[in-house]
Amino acid sequence: MTRRGMVKVLESQYKVGDVVTLKAAIIHPMDSGFTKDRHSGKIKPKFYVKTVEFLFNGKLFCSLNLEISTSTNPKFKVPMKIIEAGTVVVRFVNSKEEVTEKSAKITPV
C-alpha cells in the first residue's frame, strides 16, 4: 500500500562539501500488538514501520531499524554531506513488508 510521506533538504542553498539536514516523514499508523479493536474486542496485530533507508544516487548511506514503540507518523532528520548533484530516496518498509519510497532532488549551487 502506498502511503503519503515526504523527504526534503532543510537548507535552502548549499554547495558541494556542505553538510545538510534531510527531513523525512511518513503518514503511518502504529499498532503495538497490545491494544484491542473497539468494535470486535480482538487484539490488533503489530503494525509499524520497521526499516527506514536513505539512499543517494542508489547507494545506501543511512539505515534505521525501528521497533513497535516508534510513534505514529514518524519523522526523521539525518545529516548528509553533499558530494554531487543527484537524488535522495527514502525507503520505508513496514511490518507487512509494504514499501513506500519518497525522493528529493539534490542540486548544489
PDB file of N, CA and C in Angstrom:
ATOM      1  N   MET A   1       0.849  -1.181   0.000  1.00  0.00           N
ATOM      2  CA  MET A   1       0.000   0.000   0.000  1.00  0.00           C
ATOM      3  C   MET A   1       0.893   1.242   0.000  1.00  0.00           C
ATOM      4  N   THR A   2       0.619   2.158  -0.887  1.00  0.00           N
ATOM      5  CA  THR A   2       1.383   3.402  -0.934  1.00  0.00           C
ATOM      6  C   THR A   2       0.852   4.345   0.128  1.00  0.00           C
ATOM      7  N   ARG A   3       1.763   4.933   0.864  1.00  0.00           N
ATOM      8  CA  ARG A   3       1.395   5.861   1.930  1.00  0.00           C
ATOM      9  C   ARG A   3       1.951   7.224   1.611  1.00  0.00           C
ATOM     10  N   ARG A   4       1.324   8.248   2.175  1.00  0.00           N
ATOM     11  CA  ARG A   4       1.827   9.599   1.994  1.00  0.00           C
ATOM     12  C   ARG A   4       3.075   9.785   2.841  1.00  0.00           C
ATOM     13  N   GLY A   5       3.988  10.548   2.316  1.00  0.00           N
ATOM     14  CA  GLY A   5       5.218  10.845   3.029  1.00  0.00           C
ATOM     15  C   GLY A   5       5.987  11.896   2.272  1.00  0.00           C
ATOM     16  N   MET A   6       7.153  12.235   2.788  1.00  0.00           N
ATOM     17  CA  MET A   6       7.970  13.235   2.112  1.00  0.00           C
ATOM     18  C   MET A   6       9.408  13.120   2.575  1.00  0.00           C
ATOM     19  N   VAL A   7      10.288  13.686   1.741  1.00  0.00           N
ATOM     20  CA  VAL A   7      11.686  13.879   2.104  1.00  0.00           C
ATOM     21  C   VAL A   7      12.103  15.208   1.489  1.00  0.00           C
ATOM     22  N   LYS A   8      12.833  16.015   2.260  1.00  0.00           N
ATOM     23  CA  LYS A   8      13.292  17.294   1.724  1.00  0.00           C
ATOM     24  C   LYS A   8      14.568  17.714   2.432  1.00  0.00           C
ATOM     25  N   VAL A   9      15.303  18.602   1.767  1.00  0.00           N
ATOM     26  CA  VAL A   9      16.504  19.198   2.332  1.00  0.00           C
ATOM     27  C   VAL A   9      16.067  20.451   3.087  1.00  0.00           C
ATOM     28  N   LEU A  10      16.469  20.578   4.348  1.00  0.00           N
ATOM     29  CA  LEU A  10      16.023  21.721   5.145  1.00  0.00           C
ATOM     30  C   LEU A  10      16.724  23.020   4.766  1.00  0.00           C
ATOM     31  N   GLU A  11      17.967  22.953   4.321  1.00  0.00           N
ATOM     32  CA  GLU A  11      18.689  24.158   3.909  1.00  0.00           C
ATOM     33  C   GLU A  11      18.224  24.589   2.522  1.00  0.00           C
ATOM     34  N   SER A  12      18.130  25.902   2.302  1.00  0.00           N
ATOM     35  CA  SER A  12      17.654  26.385   1.009  1.00  0.00           C
ATOM     36  C   SER A  12      18.775  26.470  -0.025  1.00  0.00           C
ATOM     37  N   GLN A  13      19.992  26.787   0.406  1.00  0.00           N
ATOM     38  CA  GLN A  13      21.138  26.819  -0.516  1.00  0.00           C
ATOM     39  C   GLN A  13      22.302  26.065   0.110  1.00  0.00           C
ATOM     40  N   TYR A  14      22.972  25.298  -0.724  1.00  0.00           N
ATOM     41  CA  TYR A  14      24.120  24.514  -0.267  1.00  0.00           C
ATOM     42  C   TYR A  14      25.004  24.236  -1.465  1.00  0.00           C
ATOM     43  N   LYS A  15      26.254  23.927  -1.181  1.00  0.00           N
ATOM     44  CA  LYS A  15      27.202  23.638  -2.256  1.00  0.00           C
ATOM     45  C   LYS A  15      27.884  22.308  -1.971  1.00  0.00           C
ATOM     46  N   VAL A  16      28.627  21.817  -2.948  1.00  0.00           N
ATOM     47  CA  VAL A  16      29.370  20.575  -2.774  1.00  0.00           C
ATOM     48  C   VAL A  16      30.323  20.749  -1.594  1.00  0.00           C
ATOM     49  N   GLY A  17      30.319  19.775  -0.701  1.00  0.00           N
ATOM     50  CA  GLY A  17      31.147  19.827   0.503  1.00  0.00           C
ATOM     51  C   GLY A  17      30.376  20.207   1.752  1.00  0.00           C
ATOM     52  N   ASP A  18      29.202  20.818   1.591  1.00  0.00           N
ATOM     53  CA  ASP A  18      28.381  21.192   2.744  1.00  0.00           C
ATOM     54  C   ASP A  18      27.684  19.963   3.328  1.00  0.00           C
ATOM     55  N   VAL A  19      27.370  20.039   4.615  1.00  0.00           N
ATOM     56  CA  VAL A  19      26.547  19.025   5.262  1.00  0.00           C
ATOM     57  C   VAL A  19      25.156  19.632   5.442  1.00  0.00           C
ATOM     58  N   VAL A  20      24.157  18.941   4.915  1.00  0.00           N
ATOM     59  CA  VAL A  20      22.774  19.408   5.004  1.00  0.00           C
ATOM     60  C   VAL A  20      21.975  18.435   5.865  1.00  0.00           C
ATOM     61  N   THR A  21      20.802  18.881   6.282  1.00  0.00           N
ATOM     62  CA  THR A  21      19.910  18.029   7.053  1.00  0.00           C
ATOM     63  C   THR A  21      18.737  17.611   6.175  1.00  0.00           C
ATOM     64  N   LEU A  22      18.518  16.312   6.092  1.00  0.00           N
ATOM     65  CA  LEU A  22      17.372  15.771   5.366  1.00  0.00           C
ATOM     66  C   LEU A  22      16.270  15.494   6.371  1.00  0.00           C
ATOM     67  N   LYS A  23      15.048  15.859   6.015  1.00  0.00           N
ATOM     68  CA  LYS A  23      13.899  15.572   6.861  1.00  0.00           C
ATOM     69  C   LYS A  23      13.006  14.618   6.094  1.00  0.00           C
ATOM     70  N   ALA A  24      12.623  13.522   6.736  1.00  0.00           N
ATOM     71  CA  ALA A  24      11.748  12.540   6.109  1.00  0.00           C
ATOM     72  C   ALA A  24      10.598  12.234   7.067  1.00  0.00           C
ATOM     73  N   ALA A  25       9.428  11.996   6.508  1.00  0.00           N
ATOM     74  CA  ALA A  25       8.255  11.664   7.315  1.00  0.00           C
ATOM     75  C   ALA A  25       7.346  10.756   6.506  1.00  0.00           C
ATOM     76  N   ILE A  26       6.545   9.974   7.230  1.00  0.00           N
ATOM     77  CA  ILE A  26       5.555   9.112   6.588  1.00  0.00           C
ATOM     78  C   ILE A  26       4.285   9.125   7.436  1.00  0.00           C
ATOM     79  N   ILE A  27       3.149   9.133   6.765  1.00  0.00           N
ATOM     80  CA  ILE A  27       1.861   9.019   7.446  1.00  0.00           C
ATOM     81  C   ILE A  27       1.585   7.519   7.568  1.00  0.00           C
ATOM     82  N   HIS A  28       1.683   7.002   8.793  1.00  0.00           N
ATOM     83  CA  HIS A  28       1.593   5.562   9.004  1.00  0.00           C
ATOM     84  C   HIS A  28       1.065   5.277  10.407  1.00  0.00           C
ATOM     85  N   PRO A  29      -0.001   4.483  10.526  1.00  0.00           N
ATOM     86  CA  PRO A  29      -0.466   4.099  11.862  1.00  0.00           C
ATOM     87  C   PRO A  29       0.518   3.118  12.496  1.00  0.00           C
ATOM     88  N   MET A  30       0.551   3.100  13.798  1.00  0.00           N
ATOM     89  CA  MET A  30       1.419   2.161  14.503  1.00  0.00           C
ATOM     90  C   MET A  30       0.569   1.422  15.528  1.00  0.00           C
ATOM     91  N   ASP A  31       0.628   0.108  15.497  1.00  0.00           N
ATOM     92  CA  ASP A  31      -0.066  -0.716  16.481  1.00  0.00           C
ATOM     93  C   ASP A  31       0.947  -1.623  17.148  1.00  0.00           C
ATOM     94  N   SER A  32       0.941  -1.631  18.468  1.00  0.00           N
ATOM     95  CA  SER A  32       1.926  -2.370  19.252  1.00  0.00           C
ATOM     96  C   SER A  32       1.638  -3.855  19.374  1.00  0.00           C
ATOM     97  N   GLY A  33       0.412  -4.254  19.079  1.00  0.00           N
ATOM     98  CA  GLY A  33       0.034  -5.657  19.286  1.00  0.00           C
ATOM     99  C   GLY A  33      -0.522  -5.884  20.683  1.00  0.00           C
ATOM    100  N   PHE A  34      -0.722  -4.815  21.434  1.00  0.00           N
ATOM    101  CA  PHE A  34      -1.249  -4.920  22.795  1.00  0.00           C
ATOM    102  C   PHE A  34      -2.627  -4.263  22.948  1.00  0.00           C
ATOM    103  N   THR A  35      -3.129  -3.613  21.901  1.00  0.00           N
ATOM    104  CA  THR A  35      -4.405  -2.911  22.009  1.00  0.00           C
ATOM    105  C   THR A  35      -5.523  -3.718  21.349  1.00  0.00           C
ATOM    106  N   LYS A  36      -6.741  -3.481  21.843  1.00  0.00           N
ATOM    107  CA  LYS A  36      -7.905  -4.182  21.312  1.00  0.00           C
ATOM    108  C   LYS A  36      -8.659  -3.284  20.345  1.00  0.00           C
ATOM    109  N   ASP A  37      -9.261  -3.904  19.361  1.00  0.00           N
ATOM    110  CA  ASP A  37     -10.150  -3.210  18.447  1.00  0.00           C
ATOM    111  C   ASP A  37     -11.435  -2.862  19.210  1.00  0.00           C
ATOM    112  N   ARG A  38     -11.888  -1.625  19.085  1.00  0.00           N
ATOM    113  CA  ARG A  38     -13.085  -1.176  19.823  1.00  0.00           C
ATOM    114  C   ARG A  38     -14.334  -1.970  19.470  1.00  0.00           C
ATOM    115  N   HIS A  39     -14.474  -2.324  18.222  1.00  0.00           N
ATOM    116  CA  HIS A  39     -15.707  -2.952  17.755  1.00  0.00           C
ATOM    117  C   HIS A  39     -15.711  -4.464  17.966  1.00  0.00           C
ATOM    118  N   SER A  40     -14.614  -5.118  17.623  1.00  0.00           N
ATOM    119  CA  SER A  40     -14.590  -6.585  17.713  1.00  0.00           C
ATOM    120  C   SER A  40     -14.073  -7.091  19.055  1.00  0.00           C
ATOM    121  N   GLY A  41     -13.284  -6.267  19.755  1.00  0.00           N
ATOM    122  CA  GLY A  41     -12.701  -6.707  21.022  1.00  0.00           C
ATOM    123  C   GLY A  41     -11.466  -7.572  20.854  1.00  0.00           C
ATOM    124  N   LYS A  42     -11.070  -7.835  19.606  1.00  0.00           N
ATOM    125  CA  LYS A  42      -9.886  -8.659  19.341  1.00  0.00           C
ATOM    126  C   LYS A  42      -8.629  -7.797  19.401  1.00  0.00           C
ATOM    127  N   ILE A  43      -7.518  -8.429  19.737  1.00  0.00           N
ATOM    128  CA  ILE A  43      -6.219  -7.746  19.779  1.00  0.00           C
ATOM    129  C   ILE A  43      -5.812  -7.391  18.356  1.00  0.00           C
ATOM    130  N   LYS A  44      -5.400  -6.140  18.149  1.00  0.00           N
ATOM    131  CA  LYS A  44      -4.907  -5.709  16.841  1.00  0.00           C
ATOM    132  C   LYS A  44      -3.498  -6.266  16.646  1.00  0.00           C
ATOM    133  N   PRO A  45      -3.177  -6.752  15.457  1.00  0.00           N
ATOM    134  CA  PRO A  45      -1.821  -7.259  15.212  1.00  0.00           C
ATOM    135  C   PRO A  45      -0.803  -6.113  15.183  1.00  0.00           C
ATOM    136  N   LYS A  46       0.455  -6.461  15.426  1.00  0.00           N
ATOM    137  CA  LYS A  46       1.527  -5.465  15.336  1.00  0.00           C
ATOM    138  C   LYS A  46       1.557  -4.895  13.920  1.00  0.00           C
ATOM    139  N   PHE A  47       1.731  -3.587  13.837  1.00  0.00           N
ATOM    140  CA  PHE A  47       1.824  -2.927  12.537  1.00  0.00           C
ATOM    141  C   PHE A  47       2.618  -1.647  12.722  1.00  0.00           C
ATOM    142  N   TYR A  48       3.810  -1.605  12.157  1.00  0.00           N
ATOM    143  CA  TYR A  48       4.701  -0.476  12.381  1.00  0.00           C
ATOM    144  C   TYR A  48       5.727  -0.371  11.255  1.00  0.00           C
ATOM    145  N   VAL A  49       6.361   0.789  11.149  1.00  0.00           N
ATOM    146  CA  VAL A  49       7.470   0.972  10.211  1.00  0.00           C
ATOM    147  C   VAL A  49       8.677   0.298  10.841  1.00  0.00           C
ATOM    148  N   LYS A  50       9.252  -0.677  10.158  1.00  0.00           N
ATOM    149  CA  LYS A  50      10.369  -1.404  10.766  1.00  0.00           C
ATOM    150  C   LYS A  50      11.733  -0.993  10.224  1.00  0.00           C
ATOM    151  N   THR A  51      11.783  -0.470   9.000  1.00  0.00           N
ATOM    152  CA  THR A  51      13.066  -0.068   8.429  1.00  0.00           C
ATOM    153  C   THR A  51      12.897   1.227   7.639  1.00  0.00           C
ATOM    154  N   VAL A  52      13.862   2.127   7.803  1.00  0.00           N
ATOM    155  CA  VAL A  52      13.931   3.340   7.002  1.00  0.00           C
ATOM    156  C   VAL A  52      15.335   3.390   6.411  1.00  0.00           C
ATOM    157  N   GLU A  53      15.420   3.483   5.084  1.00  0.00           N
ATOM    158  CA  GLU A  53      16.715   3.526   4.400  1.00  0.00           C
ATOM    159  C   GLU A  53      16.831   4.814   3.598  1.00  0.00           C
ATOM    160  N   PHE A  54      17.983   5.463   3.701  1.00  0.00           N
ATOM    161  CA  PHE A  54      18.291   6.669   2.938  1.00  0.00           C
ATOM    162  C   PHE A  54      19.330   6.297   1.889  1.00  0.00           C
ATOM    163  N   LEU A  55      19.014   6.559   0.621  1.00  0.00           N
ATOM    164  CA  LEU A  55      19.924   6.257  -0.478  1.00  0.00           C
ATOM    165  C   LEU A  55      20.214   7.537  -1.259  1.00  0.00           C
ATOM    166  N   PHE A  56      21.463   7.689  -1.681  1.00  0.00           N
ATOM    167  CA  PHE A  56      21.825   8.805  -2.545  1.00  0.00           C
ATOM    168  C   PHE A  56      22.379   8.234  -3.831  1.00  0.00           C
ATOM    169  N   ASN A  57      21.745   8.567  -4.939  1.00  0.00           N
ATOM    170  CA  ASN A  57      22.102   8.027  -6.256  1.00  0.00           C
ATOM    171  C   ASN A  57      22.225   6.501  -6.216  1.00  0.00           C
ATOM    172  N   GLY A  58      21.289   5.873  -5.516  1.00  0.00           N
ATOM    173  CA  GLY A  58      21.228   4.415  -5.453  1.00  0.00           C
ATOM    174  C   GLY A  58      22.114   3.760  -4.415  1.00  0.00           C
ATOM    175  N   LYS A  59      22.934   4.540  -3.690  1.00  0.00           N
ATOM    176  CA  LYS A  59      23.837   3.974  -2.674  1.00  0.00           C
ATOM    177  C   LYS A  59      23.315   4.273  -1.275  1.00  0.00           C
ATOM    178  N   LEU A  60      23.186   3.219  -0.478  1.00  0.00           N
ATOM    179  CA  LEU A  60      22.703   3.349   0.889  1.00  0.00           C
ATOM    180  C   LEU A  60      23.712   4.120   1.735  1.00  0.00           C
ATOM    181  N   PHE A  61      23.265   5.171   2.448  1.00  0.00           N
ATOM    182  CA  PHE A  61      24.167   5.885   3.346  1.00  0.00           C
ATOM    183  C   PHE A  61      23.643   5.950   4.776  1.00  0.00           C
ATOM    184  N   CYS A  62      22.390   5.545   5.008  1.00  0.00           N
ATOM    185  CA  CYS A  62      21.856   5.515   6.369  1.00  0.00           C
ATOM    186  C   CYS A  62      20.717   4.503   6.414  1.00  0.00           C
ATOM    187  N   SER A  63      20.725   3.662   7.442  1.00  0.00           N
ATOM    188  CA  SER A  63      19.671   2.676   7.613  1.00  0.00           C
ATOM    189  C   SER A  63      19.240   2.677   9.078  1.00  0.00           C
ATOM    190  N   LEU A  64      17.939   2.715   9.303  1.00  0.00           N
ATOM    191  CA  LEU A  64      17.389   2.728  10.658  1.00  0.00           C
ATOM    192  C   LEU A  64      16.486   1.523  10.849  1.00  0.00           C
ATOM    193  N   ASN A  65      16.692   0.787  11.927  1.00  0.00           N
ATOM    194  CA  ASN A  65      15.824  -0.330  12.291  1.00  0.00           C
ATOM    195  C   ASN A  65      14.966   0.122  13.453  1.00  0.00           C
ATOM    196  N   LEU A  66      13.645   0.092  13.256  1.00  0.00           N
ATOM    197  CA  LEU A  66      12.713   0.602  14.256  1.00  0.00           C
ATOM    198  C   LEU A  66      11.975  -0.542  14.937  1.00  0.00           C
ATOM    199  N   GLU A  67      11.347  -0.220  16.046  1.00  0.00           N
ATOM    200  CA  GLU A  67      10.564  -1.188  16.813  1.00  0.00           C
ATOM    201  C   GLU A  67       9.134  -0.686  16.964  1.00  0.00           C
ATOM    202  N   ILE A  68       8.300  -1.476  17.592  1.00  0.00           N
ATOM    203  CA  ILE A  68       6.883  -1.133  17.741  1.00  0.00           C
ATOM    204  C   ILE A  68       6.654   0.096  18.604  1.00  0.00           C
ATOM    205  N   SER A  69       7.644   0.520  19.377  1.00  0.00           N
ATOM    206  CA  SER A  69       7.469   1.688  20.241  1.00  0.00           C
ATOM    207  C   SER A  69       7.611   3.014  19.495  1.00  0.00           C
ATOM    208  N   THR A  70       7.918   2.985  18.221  1.00  0.00           N
ATOM    209  CA  THR A  70       8.023   4.197  17.408  1.00  0.00           C
ATOM    210  C   THR A  70       6.639   4.847  17.288  1.00  0.00           C
ATOM    211  N   SER A  71       6.612   6.171  17.323  1.00  0.00           N
ATOM    212  CA  SER A  71       5.339   6.878  17.300  1.00  0.00           C
ATOM    213  C   SER A  71       4.630   6.771  15.949  1.00  0.00           C
ATOM    214  N   THR A  72       3.342   7.052  15.981  1.00  0.00           N
ATOM    215  CA  THR A  72       2.538   7.139  14.762  1.00  0.00           C
ATOM    216  C   THR A  72       3.072   8.296  13.910  1.00  0.00           C
ATOM    217  N   ASN A  73       3.051   8.145  12.600  1.00  0.00           N
ATOM    218  CA  ASN A  73       3.521   9.169  11.663  1.00  0.00           C
ATOM    219  C   ASN A  73       4.939   9.650  12.011  1.00  0.00           C
ATOM    220  N   PRO A  74       5.904   8.739  12.018  1.00  0.00           N
ATOM    221  CA  PRO A  74       7.261   9.107  12.456  1.00  0.00           C
ATOM    222  C   PRO A  74       7.953  10.090  11.503  1.00  0.00           C
ATOM    223  N   LYS A  75       8.822  10.909  12.111  1.00  0.00           N
ATOM    224  CA  LYS A  75       9.633  11.890  11.372  1.00  0.00           C
ATOM    225  C   LYS A  75      11.091  11.648  11.719  1.00  0.00           C
ATOM    226  N   PHE A  76      11.965  11.886  10.740  1.00  0.00           N
ATOM    227  CA  PHE A  76      13.397  11.644  10.922  1.00  0.00           C
ATOM    228  C   PHE A  76      14.193  12.801  10.351  1.00  0.00           C
ATOM    229  N   LYS A  77      15.313  13.119  10.994  1.00  0.00           N
ATOM    230  CA  LYS A  77      16.260  14.095  10.461  1.00  0.00           C
ATOM    231  C   LYS A  77      17.616  13.421  10.411  1.00  0.00           C
ATOM    232  N   VAL A  78      18.256  13.501   9.239  1.00  0.00           N
ATOM    233  CA  VAL A  78      19.522  12.821   9.011  1.00  0.00           C
ATOM    234  C   VAL A  78      20.485  13.779   8.318  1.00  0.00           C
ATOM    235  N   PRO A  79      21.737  13.886   8.803  1.00  0.00           N
ATOM    236  CA  PRO A  79      22.709  14.731   8.102  1.00  0.00           C
ATOM    237  C   PRO A  79      23.268  14.003   6.878  1.00  0.00           C
ATOM    238  N   MET A  80      23.607  14.774   5.848  1.00  0.00           N
ATOM    239  CA  MET A  80      24.212  14.199   4.648  1.00  0.00           C
ATOM    240  C   MET A  80      25.190  15.204   4.061  1.00  0.00           C
ATOM    241  N   LYS A  81      26.383  14.725   3.727  1.00  0.00           N
ATOM    242  CA  LYS A  81      27.370  15.583   3.077  1.00  0.00           C
ATOM    243  C   LYS A  81      27.103  15.579   1.577  1.00  0.00           C
ATOM    244  N   ILE A  82      27.033  16.769   1.003  1.00  0.00           N
ATOM    245  CA  ILE A  82      26.777  16.906  -0.434  1.00  0.00           C
ATOM    246  C   ILE A  82      28.076  16.631  -1.190  1.00  0.00           C
ATOM    247  N   ILE A  83      28.061  15.592  -2.024  1.00  0.00           N
ATOM    248  CA  ILE A  83      29.250  15.258  -2.816  1.00  0.00           C
ATOM    249  C   ILE A  83      29.058  15.545  -4.299  1.00  0.00           C
ATOM    250  N   GLU A  84      27.776  15.640  -4.720  1.00  0.00           N
ATOM    251  CA  GLU A  84      27.444  15.923  -6.118  1.00  0.00           C
ATOM    252  C   GLU A  84      25.931  16.097  -6.225  1.00  0.00           C
ATOM    253  N   ALA A  85      25.482  16.501  -7.381  1.00  0.00           N
ATOM    254  CA  ALA A  85      24.040  16.580  -7.632  1.00  0.00           C
ATOM    255  C   ALA A  85      23.494  15.158  -7.771  1.00  0.00           C
ATOM    256  N   GLY A  86      22.243  14.988  -7.445  1.00  0.00           N
ATOM    257  CA  GLY A  86      21.642  13.663  -7.568  1.00  0.00           C
ATOM    258  C   GLY A  86      20.279  13.599  -6.929  1.00  0.00           C
ATOM    259  N   THR A  87      19.898  12.401  -6.534  1.00  0.00           N
ATOM    260  CA  THR A  87      18.587  12.161  -5.944  1.00  0.00           C
ATOM    261  C   THR A  87      18.720  11.373  -4.653  1.00  0.00           C
ATOM    262  N   VAL A  88      18.024  11.846  -3.622  1.00  0.00           N
ATOM    263  CA  VAL A  88      17.923  11.110  -2.368  1.00  0.00           C
ATOM    264  C   VAL A  88      16.598  10.367  -2.384  1.00  0.00           C
ATOM    265  N   VAL A  89      16.643   9.089  -2.071  1.00  0.00           N
ATOM    266  CA  VAL A  89      15.434   8.273  -1.965  1.00  0.00           C
ATOM    267  C   VAL A  89      15.359   7.759  -0.529  1.00  0.00           C
ATOM    268  N   VAL A  90      14.185   7.891   0.076  1.00  0.00           N
ATOM    269  CA  VAL A  90      13.956   7.326   1.398  1.00  0.00           C
ATOM    270  C   VAL A  90      12.958   6.198   1.226  1.00  0.00           C
ATOM    271  N   ARG A  91      13.345   5.017   1.711  1.00  0.00           N
ATOM    272  CA  ARG A  91      12.516   3.819   1.578  1.00  0.00           C
ATOM    273  C   ARG A  91      12.017   3.409   2.970  1.00  0.00           C
ATOM    274  N   PHE A  92      10.695   3.399   3.123  1.00  0.00           N
ATOM    275  CA  PHE A  92      10.065   2.972   4.366  1.00  0.00           C
ATOM    276  C   PHE A  92       9.510   1.565   4.156  1.00  0.00           C
ATOM    277  N   VAL A  93       9.839   0.622   5.041  1.00  0.00           N
ATOM    278  CA  VAL A  93       9.310  -0.742   4.955  1.00  0.00           C
ATOM    279  C   VAL A  93       8.579  -1.025   6.262  1.00  0.00           C
ATOM    280  N   ASN A  94       7.311  -1.453   6.159  1.00  0.00           N
ATOM    281  CA  ASN A  94       6.574  -1.729   7.389  1.00  0.00           C
ATOM    282  C   ASN A  94       6.562  -3.222   7.709  1.00  0.00           C
ATOM    283  N   SER A  95       5.901  -3.573   8.797  1.00  0.00           N
ATOM    284  CA  SER A  95       5.910  -4.954   9.281  1.00  0.00           C
ATOM    285  C   SER A  95       5.149  -5.926   8.378  1.00  0.00           C
ATOM    286  N   LYS A  96       4.405  -5.405   7.410  1.00  0.00           N
ATOM    287  CA  LYS A  96       3.752  -6.255   6.408  1.00  0.00           C
ATOM    288  C   LYS A  96       4.580  -6.327   5.129  1.00  0.00           C
ATOM    289  N   GLU A  97       5.815  -5.809   5.198  1.00  0.00           N
ATOM    290  CA  GLU A  97       6.747  -5.768   4.059  1.00  0.00           C
ATOM    291  C   GLU A  97       6.254  -4.874   2.928  1.00  0.00           C
ATOM    292  N   GLU A  98       5.350  -3.949   3.218  1.00  0.00           N
ATOM    293  CA  GLU A  98       4.922  -2.960   2.230  1.00  0.00           C
ATOM    294  C   GLU A  98       5.985  -1.871   2.173  1.00  0.00           C
ATOM    295  N   VAL A  99       6.318  -1.439   0.964  1.00  0.00           N
ATOM    296  CA  VAL A  99       7.384  -0.458   0.764  1.00  0.00           C
ATOM    297  C   VAL A  99       6.801   0.845   0.226  1.00  0.00           C
ATOM    298  N   THR A 100       7.227   1.950   0.840  1.00  0.00           N
ATOM    299  CA  THR A 100       6.883   3.280   0.351  1.00  0.00           C
ATOM    300  C   THR A 100       8.181   4.021   0.106  1.00  0.00           C
ATOM    301  N   GLU A 101       8.344   4.609  -1.074  1.00  0.00           N
ATOM    302  CA  GLU A 101       9.546   5.373  -1.394  1.00  0.00           C
ATOM    303  C   GLU A 101       9.181   6.808  -1.716  1.00  0.00           C
ATOM    304  N   LYS A 102       9.983   7.711  -1.202  1.00  0.00           N
ATOM    305  CA  LYS A 102       9.854   9.135  -1.497  1.00  0.00           C
ATOM    306  C   LYS A 102      11.218   9.642  -1.906  1.00  0.00           C
ATOM    307  N   SER A 103      11.255  10.650  -2.784  1.00  0.00           N
ATOM    308  CA  SER A 103      12.547  11.136  -3.283  1.00  0.00           C
ATOM    309  C   SER A 103      12.596  12.654  -3.324  1.00  0.00           C
ATOM    310  N   ALA A 104      13.835  13.158  -3.359  1.00  0.00           N
ATOM    311  CA  ALA A 104      14.081  14.597  -3.473  1.00  0.00           C
ATOM    312  C   ALA A 104      15.338  14.799  -4.307  1.00  0.00           C
ATOM    313  N   LYS A 105      15.321  15.805  -5.144  1.00  0.00           N
ATOM    314  CA  LYS A 105      16.491  16.163  -5.950  1.00  0.00           C
ATOM    315  C   LYS A 105      17.470  16.961  -5.107  1.00  0.00           C
ATOM    316  N   ILE A 106      18.752  16.670  -5.290  1.00  0.00           N
ATOM    317  CA  ILE A 106      19.829  17.422  -4.643  1.00  0.00           C
ATOM    318  C   ILE A 106      20.499  18.236  -5.736  1.00  0.00           C
ATOM    319  N   THR A 107      20.427  19.564  -5.603  1.00  0.00           N
ATOM    320  CA  THR A 107      21.001  20.461  -6.617  1.00  0.00           C
ATOM    321  C   THR A 107      21.863  21.517  -5.929  1.00  0.00           C
ATOM    322  N   PRO A 108      23.151  21.215  -5.732  1.00  0.00           N
ATOM    323  CA  PRO A 108      24.032  22.208  -5.129  1.00  0.00           C
ATOM    324  C   PRO A 108      24.233  23.411  -6.048  1.00  0.00           C
ATOM    325  N   VAL A 109      24.503  24.576  -5.440  1.00  0.00           N
ATOM    326  CA  VAL A 109      24.732  25.792  -6.229  1.00  0.00           C
ATOM    327  C   VAL A 109      26.201  25.953  -6.544  1.00  0.00           C
TER     328      VAL A 109
END
